[in-house]
Amino acid sequence: MDNIITFEDFTKVDFRVGTIIKVNDFPEARHPAYQLTIDFGDLGIKKSSAQITTLYAKADLLNRQIIAVVNFPKKQIAKFMSECLILGAVDGKDVTLLNPETRVVNGSIVS
């Protein structure tokens, strides 16, 4: 494996649990995507673009808890500013969201 990282590198990544509180279509995106608004508790509300339209309808995403990396720099996607990276398992074009098995407090640290 060529992309080995150290444990210190891994500890710099801030994984948190959040709850999706708003879902919008994102027609300006290059690939089909949603604009998500996510509540991370004490960390506040963050937005993200997610290419998850093949497996998830908008209504299925509301109030769903997800896991995201919250300490990346903001990224401009079309006219939208993405503030975090939602994590999922990728199988071709399908992305299955990662989430806690049971409901936890928004902003909980994933380690």
PDB file of N, CA and C in Angstrom:
ATOM      1  N   MET A   1       0.841  -1.183   0.000  1.00  0.00           N
ATOM      2  CA  MET A   1       0.000   0.000   0.000  1.00  0.00           C
ATOM      3  C   MET A   1       0.883   1.242   0.000  1.00  0.00           C
ATOM      4  N   ASP A   2       0.630   2.147  -0.936  1.00  0.00           N
ATOM      5  CA  ASP A   2       1.489   3.325  -1.096  1.00  0.00           C
ATOM      6  C   ASP A   2       1.073   4.529  -0.250  1.00  0.00           C
ATOM      7  N   ASN A   3      -0.148   4.546   0.220  1.00  0.00           N
ATOM      8  CA  ASN A   3      -0.643   5.741   0.906  1.00  0.00           C
ATOM      9  C   ASN A   3      -0.785   5.524   2.416  1.00  0.00           C
ATOM     10  N   ILE A   4       0.213   4.933   3.033  1.00  0.00           N
ATOM     11  CA  ILE A   4       0.225   4.703   4.477  1.00  0.00           C
ATOM     12  C   ILE A   4       0.318   6.042   5.198  1.00  0.00           C
ATOM     13  N   ILE A   5      -0.493   6.213   6.228  1.00  0.00           N
ATOM     14  CA  ILE A   5      -0.406   7.413   7.070  1.00  0.00           C
ATOM     15  C   ILE A   5       0.000   6.991   8.480  1.00  0.00           C
ATOM     16  N   THR A   6       0.431   7.942   9.244  1.00  0.00           N
ATOM     17  CA  THR A   6       0.792   7.657  10.630  1.00  0.00           C
ATOM     18  C   THR A   6      -0.439   7.806  11.512  1.00  0.00           C
ATOM     19  N   PHE A   7      -0.342   7.295  12.721  1.00  0.00           N
ATOM     20  CA  PHE A   7      -1.429   7.474  13.674  1.00  0.00           C
ATOM     21  C   PHE A   7      -1.634   8.956  13.960  1.00  0.00           C
ATOM     22  N   GLU A   8      -0.540   9.715  14.001  1.00  0.00           N
ATOM     23  CA  GLU A   8      -0.652  11.164  14.219  1.00  0.00           C
ATOM     24  C   GLU A   8      -1.446  11.826  13.093  1.00  0.00           C
ATOM     25  N   ASP A   9      -1.241  11.383  11.842  1.00  0.00           N
ATOM     26  CA  ASP A   9      -2.035  11.908  10.726  1.00  0.00           C
ATOM     27  C   ASP A   9      -3.516  11.628  10.963  1.00  0.00           C
ATOM     28  N   PHE A  10      -3.831  10.397  11.357  1.00  0.00           N
ATOM     29  CA  PHE A  10      -5.223   9.998  11.576  1.00  0.00           C
ATOM     30  C   PHE A  10      -5.877  10.832  12.672  1.00  0.00           C
ATOM     31  N   THR A  11      -5.141  11.130  13.734  1.00  0.00           N
ATOM     32  CA  THR A  11      -5.736  11.873  14.850  1.00  0.00           C
ATOM     33  C   THR A  11      -6.073  13.311  14.484  1.00  0.00           C
ATOM     34  N   LYS A  12      -5.552  13.810  13.366  1.00  0.00           N
ATOM     35  CA  LYS A  12      -5.867  15.168  12.920  1.00  0.00           C
ATOM     36  C   LYS A  12      -7.249  15.254  12.279  1.00  0.00           C
ATOM     37  N   VAL A  13      -7.804  14.104  11.855  1.00  0.00           N
ATOM     38  CA  VAL A  13      -9.108  14.088  11.193  1.00  0.00           C
ATOM     39  C   VAL A  13     -10.199  14.086  12.263  1.00  0.00           C
ATOM     40  N   ASP A  14     -11.105  15.055  12.183  1.00  0.00           N
ATOM     41  CA  ASP A  14     -12.178  15.205  13.169  1.00  0.00           C
ATOM     42  C   ASP A  14     -13.477  14.611  12.609  1.00  0.00           C
ATOM     43  N   PHE A  15     -13.766  13.363  13.017  1.00  0.00           N
ATOM     44  CA  PHE A  15     -14.992  12.673  12.614  1.00  0.00           C
ATOM     45  C   PHE A  15     -16.073  12.967  13.647  1.00  0.00           C
ATOM     46  N   ARG A  16     -17.245  13.407  13.191  1.00  0.00           N
ATOM     47  CA  ARG A  16     -18.341  13.714  14.110  1.00  0.00           C
ATOM     48  C   ARG A  16     -19.665  13.167  13.586  1.00  0.00           C
ATOM     49  N   VAL A  17     -20.600  12.995  14.511  1.00  0.00           N
ATOM     50  CA  VAL A  17     -21.960  12.584  14.166  1.00  0.00           C
ATOM     51  C   VAL A  17     -22.829  13.832  14.077  1.00  0.00           C
ATOM     52  N   GLY A  18     -23.651  13.878  13.040  1.00  0.00           N
ATOM     53  CA  GLY A  18     -24.593  14.976  12.880  1.00  0.00           C
ATOM     54  C   GLY A  18     -25.920  14.454  12.365  1.00  0.00           C
ATOM     55  N   THR A  19     -26.944  15.281  12.460  1.00  0.00           N
ATOM     56  CA  THR A  19     -28.276  14.929  11.976  1.00  0.00           C
ATOM     57  C   THR A  19     -28.646  15.841  10.814  1.00  0.00           C
ATOM     58  N   ILE A  20     -29.077  15.234   9.717  1.00  0.00           N
ATOM     59  CA  ILE A  20     -29.492  16.004   8.539  1.00  0.00           C
ATOM     60  C   ILE A  20     -30.821  16.684   8.851  1.00  0.00           C
ATOM     61  N   ILE A  21     -30.848  18.016   8.748  1.00  0.00           N
ATOM     62  CA  ILE A  21     -32.062  18.763   9.088  1.00  0.00           C
ATOM     63  C   ILE A  21     -32.714  19.416   7.871  1.00  0.00           C
ATOM     64  N   LYS A  22     -32.006  19.411   6.732  1.00  0.00           N
ATOM     65  CA  LYS A  22     -32.577  19.995   5.519  1.00  0.00           C
ATOM     66  C   LYS A  22     -31.906  19.354   4.309  1.00  0.00           C
ATOM     67  N   VAL A  23     -32.721  19.063   3.269  1.00  0.00           N
ATOM     68  CA  VAL A  23     -32.208  18.459   2.038  1.00  0.00           C
ATOM     69  C   VAL A  23     -32.782  19.224   0.852  1.00  0.00           C
ATOM     70  N   ASN A  24     -31.901  19.682  -0.034  1.00  0.00           N
ATOM     71  CA  ASN A  24     -32.334  20.371  -1.259  1.00  0.00           C
ATOM     72  C   ASN A  24     -31.719  19.691  -2.471  1.00  0.00           C
ATOM     73  N   ASP A  25     -32.422  19.759  -3.597  1.00  0.00           N
ATOM     74  CA  ASP A  25     -31.834  19.325  -4.852  1.00  0.00           C
ATOM     75  C   ASP A  25     -30.663  20.238  -5.181  1.00  0.00           C
ATOM     76  N   PHE A  26     -29.736  19.741  -5.985  1.00  0.00           N
ATOM     77  CA  PHE A  26     -28.559  20.522  -6.366  1.00  0.00           C
ATOM     78  C   PHE A  26     -28.357  20.396  -7.874  1.00  0.00           C
ATOM     79  N   PRO A  27     -29.232  21.042  -8.652  1.00  0.00           N
ATOM     80  CA  PRO A  27     -29.179  20.889 -10.107  1.00  0.00           C
ATOM     81  C   PRO A  27     -27.902  21.445 -10.745  1.00  0.00           C
ATOM     82  N   GLU A  28     -27.197  22.352 -10.081  1.00  0.00           N
ATOM     83  CA  GLU A  28     -25.967  22.930 -10.635  1.00  0.00           C
ATOM     84  C   GLU A  28     -24.764  21.996 -10.499  1.00  0.00           C
ATOM     85  N   ALA A  29     -24.875  20.946  -9.703  1.00  0.00           N
ATOM     86  CA  ALA A  29     -23.758  20.020  -9.504  1.00  0.00           C
ATOM     87  C   ALA A  29     -23.465  19.261 -10.791  1.00  0.00           C
ATOM     88  N   ARG A  30     -22.198  18.936 -11.002  1.00  0.00           N
ATOM     89  CA  ARG A  30     -21.781  18.194 -12.195  1.00  0.00           C
ATOM     90  C   ARG A  30     -22.403  16.805 -12.243  1.00  0.00           C
ATOM     91  N   HIS A  31     -22.499  16.157 -11.082  1.00  0.00           N
ATOM     92  CA  HIS A  31     -23.104  14.835 -10.951  1.00  0.00           C
ATOM     93  C   HIS A  31     -24.297  14.970 -10.016  1.00  0.00           C
ATOM     94  N   PRO A  32     -25.329  14.124 -10.180  1.00  0.00           N
ATOM     95  CA  PRO A  32     -26.509  14.245  -9.319  1.00  0.00           C
ATOM     96  C   PRO A  32     -26.134  14.270  -7.834  1.00  0.00           C
ATOM     97  N   ALA A  33     -26.652  15.280  -7.128  1.00  0.00           N
ATOM     98  CA  ALA A  33     -26.290  15.466  -5.719  1.00  0.00           C
ATOM     99  C   ALA A  33     -27.398  16.205  -4.987  1.00  0.00           C
ATOM    100  N   TYR A  34     -27.294  16.164  -3.660  1.00  0.00           N
ATOM    101  CA  TYR A  34     -28.162  16.949  -2.782  1.00  0.00           C
ATOM    102  C   TYR A  34     -27.299  17.971  -2.044  1.00  0.00           C
ATOM    103  N   GLN A  35     -27.928  19.058  -1.636  1.00  0.00           N
ATOM    104  CA  GLN A  35     -27.336  19.990  -0.691  1.00  0.00           C
ATOM    105  C   GLN A  35     -27.923  19.635   0.674  1.00  0.00           C
ATOM    106  N   LEU A  36     -27.061  19.297   1.623  1.00  0.00           N
ATOM    107  CA  LEU A  36     -27.512  18.892   2.954  1.00  0.00           C
ATOM    108  C   LEU A  36     -27.147  19.958   3.985  1.00  0.00           C
ATOM    109  N   THR A  37     -28.045  20.175   4.936  1.00  0.00           N
ATOM    110  CA  THR A  37     -27.763  21.007   6.101  1.00  0.00           C
ATOM    111  C   THR A  37     -27.767  20.061   7.294  1.00  0.00           C
ATOM    112  N   ILE A  38     -26.688  20.089   8.072  1.00  0.00           N
ATOM    113  CA  ILE A  38     -26.477  19.094   9.121  1.00  0.00           C
ATOM    114  C   ILE A  38     -26.228  19.772  10.455  1.00  0.00           C
ATOM    115  N   ASP A  39     -26.906  19.286  11.493  1.00  0.00           N
ATOM    116  CA  ASP A  39     -26.751  19.795  12.858  1.00  0.00           C
ATOM    117  C   ASP A  39     -25.685  18.964  13.572  1.00  0.00           C
ATOM    118  N   PHE A  40     -24.580  19.615  13.953  1.00  0.00           N
ATOM    119  CA  PHE A  40     -23.508  18.955  14.681  1.00  0.00           C
ATOM    120  C   PHE A  40     -23.475  19.391  16.149  1.00  0.00           C
ATOM    121  N   GLY A  41     -24.617  19.711  16.720  1.00  0.00           N
ATOM    122  CA  GLY A  41     -24.691  20.068  18.135  1.00  0.00           C
ATOM    123  C   GLY A  41     -23.865  21.290  18.451  1.00  0.00           C
ATOM    124  N   ASP A  42     -22.955  21.165  19.417  1.00  0.00           N
ATOM    125  CA  ASP A  42     -22.130  22.297  19.854  1.00  0.00           C
ATOM    126  C   ASP A  42     -21.238  22.854  18.752  1.00  0.00           C
ATOM    127  N   LEU A  43     -20.956  22.060  17.712  1.00  0.00           N
ATOM    128  CA  LEU A  43     -20.139  22.543  16.590  1.00  0.00           C
ATOM    129  C   LEU A  43     -20.941  23.416  15.633  1.00  0.00           C
ATOM    130  N   GLY A  44     -22.265  23.379  15.770  1.00  0.00           N
ATOM    131  CA  GLY A  44     -23.117  24.210  14.938  1.00  0.00           C
ATOM    132  C   GLY A  44     -23.662  23.487  13.721  1.00  0.00           C
ATOM    133  N   ILE A  45     -24.212  24.276  12.820  1.00  0.00           N
ATOM    134  CA  ILE A  45     -24.833  23.780  11.594  1.00  0.00           C
ATOM    135  C   ILE A  45     -23.815  23.905  10.457  1.00  0.00           C
ATOM    136  N   LYS A  46     -23.656  22.838   9.684  1.00  0.00           N
ATOM    137  CA  LYS A  46     -22.751  22.852   8.534  1.00  0.00           C
ATOM    138  C   LYS A  46     -23.501  22.345   7.307  1.00  0.00           C
ATOM    139  N   LYS A  47     -23.007  22.728   6.139  1.00  0.00           N
ATOM    140  CA  LYS A  47     -23.608  22.300   4.879  1.00  0.00           C
ATOM    141  C   LYS A  47     -22.640  21.408   4.120  1.00  0.00           C
ATOM    142  N   SER A  48     -23.219  20.513   3.312  1.00  0.00           N
ATOM    143  CA  SER A  48     -22.406  19.617   2.505  1.00  0.00           C
ATOM    144  C   SER A  48     -23.145  19.249   1.233  1.00  0.00           C
ATOM    145  N   SER A  49     -22.389  19.030   0.177  1.00  0.00           N
ATOM    146  CA  SER A  49     -22.922  18.478  -1.056  1.00  0.00           C
ATOM    147  C   SER A  49     -22.635  16.985  -1.028  1.00  0.00           C
ATOM    148  N   ALA A  50     -23.634  16.167  -1.402  1.00  0.00           N
ATOM    149  CA  ALA A  50     -23.439  14.720  -1.349  1.00  0.00           C
ATOM    150  C   ALA A  50     -24.054  14.053  -2.571  1.00  0.00           C
ATOM    151  N   GLN A  51     -23.254  13.235  -3.239  1.00  0.00           N
ATOM    152  CA  GLN A  51     -23.717  12.488  -4.411  1.00  0.00           C
ATOM    153  C   GLN A  51     -24.317  11.168  -3.949  1.00  0.00           C
ATOM    154  N   ILE A  52     -25.509  11.250  -3.359  1.00  0.00           N
ATOM    155  CA  ILE A  52     -26.163  10.081  -2.764  1.00  0.00           C
ATOM    156  C   ILE A  52     -27.569   9.877  -3.309  1.00  0.00           C
ATOM    157  N   THR A  53     -27.831  10.422  -4.494  1.00  0.00           N
ATOM    158  CA  THR A  53     -29.190  10.410  -5.038  1.00  0.00           C
ATOM    159  C   THR A  53     -29.638   9.042  -5.536  1.00  0.00           C
ATOM    160  N   THR A  54     -28.706   8.132  -5.823  1.00  0.00           N
ATOM    161  CA  THR A  54     -29.125   6.832  -6.348  1.00  0.00           C
ATOM    162  C   THR A  54     -29.753   5.933  -5.287  1.00  0.00           C
ATOM    163  N   LEU A  55     -29.358   6.093  -4.038  1.00  0.00           N
ATOM    164  CA  LEU A  55     -29.897   5.224  -2.974  1.00  0.00           C
ATOM    165  C   LEU A  55     -30.835   5.925  -2.004  1.00  0.00           C
ATOM    166  N   TYR A  56     -30.851   7.268  -2.009  1.00  0.00           N
ATOM    167  CA  TYR A  56     -31.615   7.995  -0.997  1.00  0.00           C
ATOM    168  C   TYR A  56     -32.530   9.043  -1.618  1.00  0.00           C
ATOM    169  N   ALA A  57     -33.811   8.995  -1.233  1.00  0.00           N
ATOM    170  CA  ALA A  57     -34.737  10.074  -1.567  1.00  0.00           C
ATOM    171  C   ALA A  57     -34.588  11.157  -0.505  1.00  0.00           C
ATOM    172  N   LYS A  58     -34.938  12.382  -0.852  1.00  0.00           N
ATOM    173  CA  LYS A  58     -34.800  13.500   0.099  1.00  0.00           C
ATOM    174  C   LYS A  58     -35.518  13.206   1.416  1.00  0.00           C
ATOM    175  N   ALA A  59     -36.726  12.681   1.338  1.00  0.00           N
ATOM    176  CA  ALA A  59     -37.512  12.418   2.555  1.00  0.00           C
ATOM    177  C   ALA A  59     -36.836  11.379   3.457  1.00  0.00           C
ATOM    178  N   ASP A  60     -36.089  10.444   2.860  1.00  0.00           N
ATOM    179  CA  ASP A  60     -35.410   9.413   3.649  1.00  0.00           C
ATOM    180  C   ASP A  60     -34.215   9.965   4.414  1.00  0.00           C
ATOM    181  N   LEU A  61     -33.715  11.112   3.995  1.00  0.00           N
ATOM    182  CA  LEU A  61     -32.523  11.677   4.610  1.00  0.00           C
ATOM    183  C   LEU A  61     -32.821  12.571   5.807  1.00  0.00           C
ATOM    184  N   LEU A  62     -33.996  13.178   5.833  1.00  0.00           N
ATOM    185  CA  LEU A  62     -34.337  14.075   6.946  1.00  0.00           C
ATOM    186  C   LEU A  62     -34.292  13.338   8.273  1.00  0.00           C
ATOM    187  N   ASN A  63     -33.629  13.935   9.245  1.00  0.00           N
ATOM    188  CA  ASN A  63     -33.482  13.413  10.606  1.00  0.00           C
ATOM    189  C   ASN A  63     -32.609  12.166  10.689  1.00  0.00           C
ATOM    190  N   ARG A  64     -31.906  11.836   9.620  1.00  0.00           N
ATOM    191  CA  ARG A  64     -30.981  10.696   9.627  1.00  0.00           C
ATOM    192  C   ARG A  64     -29.645  11.172  10.184  1.00  0.00           C
ATOM    193  N   GLN A  65     -29.066  10.376  11.070  1.00  0.00           N
ATOM    194  CA  GLN A  65     -27.741  10.708  11.572  1.00  0.00           C
ATOM    195  C   GLN A  65     -26.695  10.165  10.606  1.00  0.00           C
ATOM    196  N   ILE A  66     -25.629  10.925  10.456  1.00  0.00           N
ATOM    197  CA  ILE A  66     -24.531  10.566   9.559  1.00  0.00           C
ATOM    198  C   ILE A  66     -23.209  10.805  10.277  1.00  0.00           C
ATOM    199  N   ILE A  67     -22.146  10.340   9.647  1.00  0.00           N
ATOM    200  CA  ILE A  67     -20.794  10.610  10.138  1.00  0.00           C
ATOM    201  C   ILE A  67     -20.098  11.462   9.082  1.00  0.00           C
ATOM    202  N   ALA A  68     -19.392  12.487   9.541  1.00  0.00           N
ATOM    203  CA  ALA A  68     -18.729  13.395   8.610  1.00  0.00           C
ATOM    204  C   ALA A  68     -17.384  13.848   9.169  1.00  0.00           C
ATOM    205  N   VAL A  69     -16.517  14.252   8.255  1.00  0.00           N
ATOM    206  CA  VAL A  69     -15.270  14.924   8.635  1.00  0.00           C
ATOM    207  C   VAL A  69     -15.594  16.409   8.663  1.00  0.00           C
ATOM    208  N   VAL A  70     -15.349  17.052   9.806  1.00  0.00           N
ATOM    209  CA  VAL A  70     -15.763  18.452   9.968  1.00  0.00           C
ATOM    210  C   VAL A  70     -14.609  19.446   9.971  1.00  0.00           C
ATOM    211  N   ASN A  71     -13.375  18.974   9.806  1.00  0.00           N
ATOM    212  CA  ASN A  71     -12.258  19.920   9.863  1.00  0.00           C
ATOM    213  C   ASN A  71     -11.490  20.040   8.544  1.00  0.00           C
ATOM    214  N   PHE A  72     -12.169  19.784   7.428  1.00  0.00           N
ATOM    215  CA  PHE A  72     -11.608  20.116   6.116  1.00  0.00           C
ATOM    216  C   PHE A  72     -11.862  21.587   5.840  1.00  0.00           C
ATOM    217  N   PRO A  73     -11.047  22.190   4.979  1.00  0.00           N
ATOM    218  CA  PRO A  73     -11.374  23.564   4.566  1.00  0.00           C
ATOM    219  C   PRO A  73     -12.650  23.549   3.718  1.00  0.00           C
ATOM    220  N   LYS A  74     -13.354  24.664   3.700  1.00  0.00           N
ATOM    221  CA  LYS A  74     -14.564  24.774   2.884  1.00  0.00           C
ATOM    222  C   LYS A  74     -14.198  24.579   1.424  1.00  0.00           C
ATOM    223  N   LYS A  75     -15.156  24.004   0.652  1.00  0.00           N
ATOM    224  CA  LYS A  75     -14.904  23.758  -0.769  1.00  0.00           C
ATOM    225  C   LYS A  75     -16.077  24.275  -1.587  1.00  0.00           C
ATOM    226  N   GLN A  76     -15.751  25.104  -2.587  1.00  0.00           N
ATOM    227  CA  GLN A  76     -16.771  25.654  -3.483  1.00  0.00           C
ATOM    228  C   GLN A  76     -17.175  24.585  -4.494  1.00  0.00           C
ATOM    229  N   ILE A  77     -18.466  24.271  -4.558  1.00  0.00           N
ATOM    230  CA  ILE A  77     -19.008  23.343  -5.544  1.00  0.00           C
ATOM    231  C   ILE A  77     -20.136  24.083  -6.249  1.00  0.00           C
ATOM    232  N   ALA A  78     -19.899  24.454  -7.508  1.00  0.00           N
ATOM    233  CA  ALA A  78     -20.817  25.342  -8.242  1.00  0.00           C
ATOM    234  C   ALA A  78     -20.983  26.611  -7.403  1.00  0.00           C
ATOM    235  N   LYS A  79     -22.224  26.999  -7.097  1.00  0.00           N
ATOM    236  CA  LYS A  79     -22.453  28.204  -6.281  1.00  0.00           C
ATOM    237  C   LYS A  79     -22.689  27.865  -4.814  1.00  0.00           C
ATOM    238  N   PHE A  80     -22.275  26.684  -4.397  1.00  0.00           N
ATOM    239  CA  PHE A  80     -22.538  26.177  -3.050  1.00  0.00           C
ATOM    240  C   PHE A  80     -21.218  25.964  -2.320  1.00  0.00           C
ATOM    241  N   MET A  81     -21.176  26.338  -1.025  1.00  0.00           N
ATOM    242  CA  MET A  81     -19.981  26.154  -0.222  1.00  0.00           C
ATOM    243  C   MET A  81     -20.170  24.940   0.690  1.00  0.00           C
ATOM    244  N   SER A  82     -19.410  23.875   0.439  1.00  0.00           N
ATOM    245  CA  SER A  82     -19.474  22.661   1.248  1.00  0.00           C
ATOM    246  C   SER A  82     -18.528  22.819   2.435  1.00  0.00           C
ATOM    247  N   GLU A  83     -19.039  22.533   3.642  1.00  0.00           N
ATOM    248  CA  GLU A  83     -18.272  22.779   4.871  1.00  0.00           C
ATOM    249  C   GLU A  83     -17.824  21.516   5.591  1.00  0.00           C
ATOM    250  N   CYS A  84     -18.254  20.353   5.118  1.00  0.00           N
ATOM    251  CA  CYS A  84     -17.857  19.094   5.736  1.00  0.00           C
ATOM    252  C   CYS A  84     -17.979  17.987   4.696  1.00  0.00           C
ATOM    253  N   LEU A  85     -17.424  16.821   4.999  1.00  0.00           N
ATOM    254  CA  LEU A  85     -17.456  15.694   4.084  1.00  0.00           C
ATOM    255  C   LEU A  85     -18.210  14.537   4.726  1.00  0.00           C
ATOM    256  N   ILE A  86     -19.358  14.206   4.139  1.00  0.00           N
ATOM    257  CA  ILE A  86     -20.161  13.082   4.614  1.00  0.00           C
ATOM    258  C   ILE A  86     -19.450  11.787   4.232  1.00  0.00           C
ATOM    259  N   LEU A  87     -19.419  10.810   5.128  1.00  0.00           N
ATOM    260  CA  LEU A  87     -18.737   9.551   4.848  1.00  0.00           C
ATOM    261  C   LEU A  87     -19.719   8.477   4.394  1.00  0.00           C
ATOM    262  N   GLY A  88     -19.280   7.700   3.424  1.00  0.00           N
ATOM    263  CA  GLY A  88     -20.097   6.609   2.924  1.00  0.00           C
ATOM    264  C   GLY A  88     -19.232   5.565   2.252  1.00  0.00           C
ATOM    265  N   ALA A  89     -19.791   4.368   2.113  1.00  0.00           N
ATOM    266  CA  ALA A  89     -19.126   3.283   1.396  1.00  0.00           C
ATOM    267  C   ALA A  89     -19.523   3.378  -0.066  1.00  0.00           C
ATOM    268  N   VAL A  90     -18.542   3.387  -0.958  1.00  0.00           N
ATOM    269  CA  VAL A  90     -18.782   3.589  -2.386  1.00  0.00           C
ATOM    270  C   VAL A  90     -18.748   2.249  -3.109  1.00  0.00           C
ATOM    271  N   ASP A  91     -19.819   1.991  -3.870  1.00  0.00           N
ATOM    272  CA  ASP A  91     -19.920   0.786  -4.692  1.00  0.00           C
ATOM    273  C   ASP A  91     -20.365   1.225  -6.078  1.00  0.00           C
ATOM    274  N   GLY A  92     -19.403   1.469  -6.952  1.00  0.00           N
ATOM    275  CA  GLY A  92     -19.726   2.019  -8.268  1.00  0.00           C
ATOM    276  C   GLY A  92     -20.202   3.448  -8.117  1.00  0.00           C
ATOM    277  N   LYS A  93     -21.441   3.727  -8.536  1.00  0.00           N
ATOM    278  CA  LYS A  93     -22.020   5.066  -8.389  1.00  0.00           C
ATOM    279  C   LYS A  93     -22.866   5.185  -7.126  1.00  0.00           C
ATOM    280  N   ASP A  94     -23.074   4.073  -6.432  1.00  0.00           N
ATOM    281  CA  ASP A  94     -23.893   4.073  -5.219  1.00  0.00           C
ATOM    282  C   ASP A  94     -23.041   4.373  -3.993  1.00  0.00           C
ATOM    283  N   VAL A  95     -23.542   5.257  -3.139  1.00  0.00           N
ATOM    284  CA  VAL A  95     -22.866   5.587  -1.884  1.00  0.00           C
ATOM    285  C   VAL A  95     -23.830   5.269  -0.743  1.00  0.00           C
ATOM    286  N   THR A  96     -23.410   4.365   0.142  1.00  0.00           N
ATOM    287  CA  THR A  96     -24.197   4.022   1.327  1.00  0.00           C
ATOM    288  C   THR A  96     -23.632   4.801   2.504  1.00  0.00           C
ATOM    289  N   LEU A  97     -24.460   5.631   3.114  1.00  0.00           N
ATOM    290  CA  LEU A  97     -24.008   6.485   4.212  1.00  0.00           C
ATOM    291  C   LEU A  97     -23.590   5.676   5.426  1.00  0.00           C
ATOM    292  N   LEU A  98     -22.546   6.150   6.094  1.00  0.00           N
ATOM    293  CA  LEU A  98     -22.134   5.575   7.372  1.00  0.00           C
ATOM    294  C   LEU A  98     -22.886   6.305   8.473  1.00  0.00           C
ATOM    295  N   ASN A  99     -23.338   5.569   9.462  1.00  0.00           N
ATOM    296  CA  ASN A  99     -24.085   6.194  10.555  1.00  0.00           C
ATOM    297  C   ASN A  99     -23.956   5.350  11.820  1.00  0.00           C
ATOM    298  N   PRO A 100     -24.197   5.969  12.988  1.00  0.00           N
ATOM    299  CA  PRO A 100     -24.145   5.203  14.232  1.00  0.00           C
ATOM    300  C   PRO A 100     -25.290   4.197  14.279  1.00  0.00           C
ATOM    301  N   GLU A 101     -25.053   3.081  14.939  1.00  0.00           N
ATOM    302  CA  GLU A 101     -26.065   2.024  15.056  1.00  0.00           C
ATOM    303  C   GLU A 101     -27.273   2.480  15.861  1.00  0.00           C
ATOM    304  N   THR A 102     -27.031   3.274  16.882  1.00  0.00           N
ATOM    305  CA  THR A 102     -28.120   3.834  17.678  1.00  0.00           C
ATOM    306  C   THR A 102     -27.947   5.348  17.707  1.00  0.00           C
ATOM    307  N   ARG A 103     -29.030   6.046  18.011  1.00  0.00           N
ATOM    308  CA  ARG A 103     -28.991   7.515  18.021  1.00  0.00           C
ATOM    309  C   ARG A 103     -28.051   8.007  19.133  1.00  0.00           C
ATOM    310  N   VAL A 104     -27.227   8.999  18.785  1.00  0.00           N
ATOM    311  CA  VAL A 104     -26.291   9.595  19.750  1.00  0.00           C
ATOM    312  C   VAL A 104     -26.448  11.107  19.690  1.00  0.00           C
ATOM    313  N   VAL A 105     -25.779  11.785  20.597  1.00  0.00           N
ATOM    314  CA  VAL A 105     -25.829  13.238  20.656  1.00  0.00           C
ATOM    315  C   VAL A 105     -25.118  13.820  19.433  1.00  0.00           C
ATOM    316  N   ASN A 106     -25.748  14.796  18.773  1.00  0.00           N
ATOM    317  CA  ASN A 106     -25.109  15.469  17.649  1.00  0.00           C
ATOM    318  C   ASN A 106     -23.794  16.082  18.102  1.00  0.00           C
ATOM    319  N   GLY A 107     -22.762  15.921  17.266  1.00  0.00           N
ATOM    320  CA  GLY A 107     -21.448  16.421  17.596  1.00  0.00           C
ATOM    321  C   GLY A 107     -20.569  15.388  18.279  1.00  0.00           C
ATOM    322  N   SER A 108     -21.128  14.195  18.572  1.00  0.00           N
ATOM    323  CA  SER A 108     -20.325  13.145  19.208  1.00  0.00           C
ATOM    324  C   SER A 108     -19.103  12.836  18.351  1.00  0.00           C
ATOM    325  N   ILE A 109     -17.985  12.609  19.021  1.00  0.00           N
ATOM    326  CA  ILE A 109     -16.730  12.291  18.348  1.00  0.00           C
ATOM    327  C   ILE A 109     -16.748  10.822  17.934  1.00  0.00           C
ATOM    328  N   VAL A 110     -16.283  10.560  16.727  1.00  0.00           N
ATOM    329  CA  VAL A 110     -16.128   9.191  16.238  1.00  0.00           C
ATOM    330  C   VAL A 110     -14.647   8.870  16.322  1.00  0.00           C
ATOM    331  N   SER A 111     -14.322   7.785  17.017  1.00  0.00           N
ATOM    332  CA  SER A 111     -12.895   7.426  17.143  1.00  0.00           C
ATOM    333  C   SER A 111     -12.696   5.959  16.897  1.00  0.00           C
TER     334      SER A 111
END
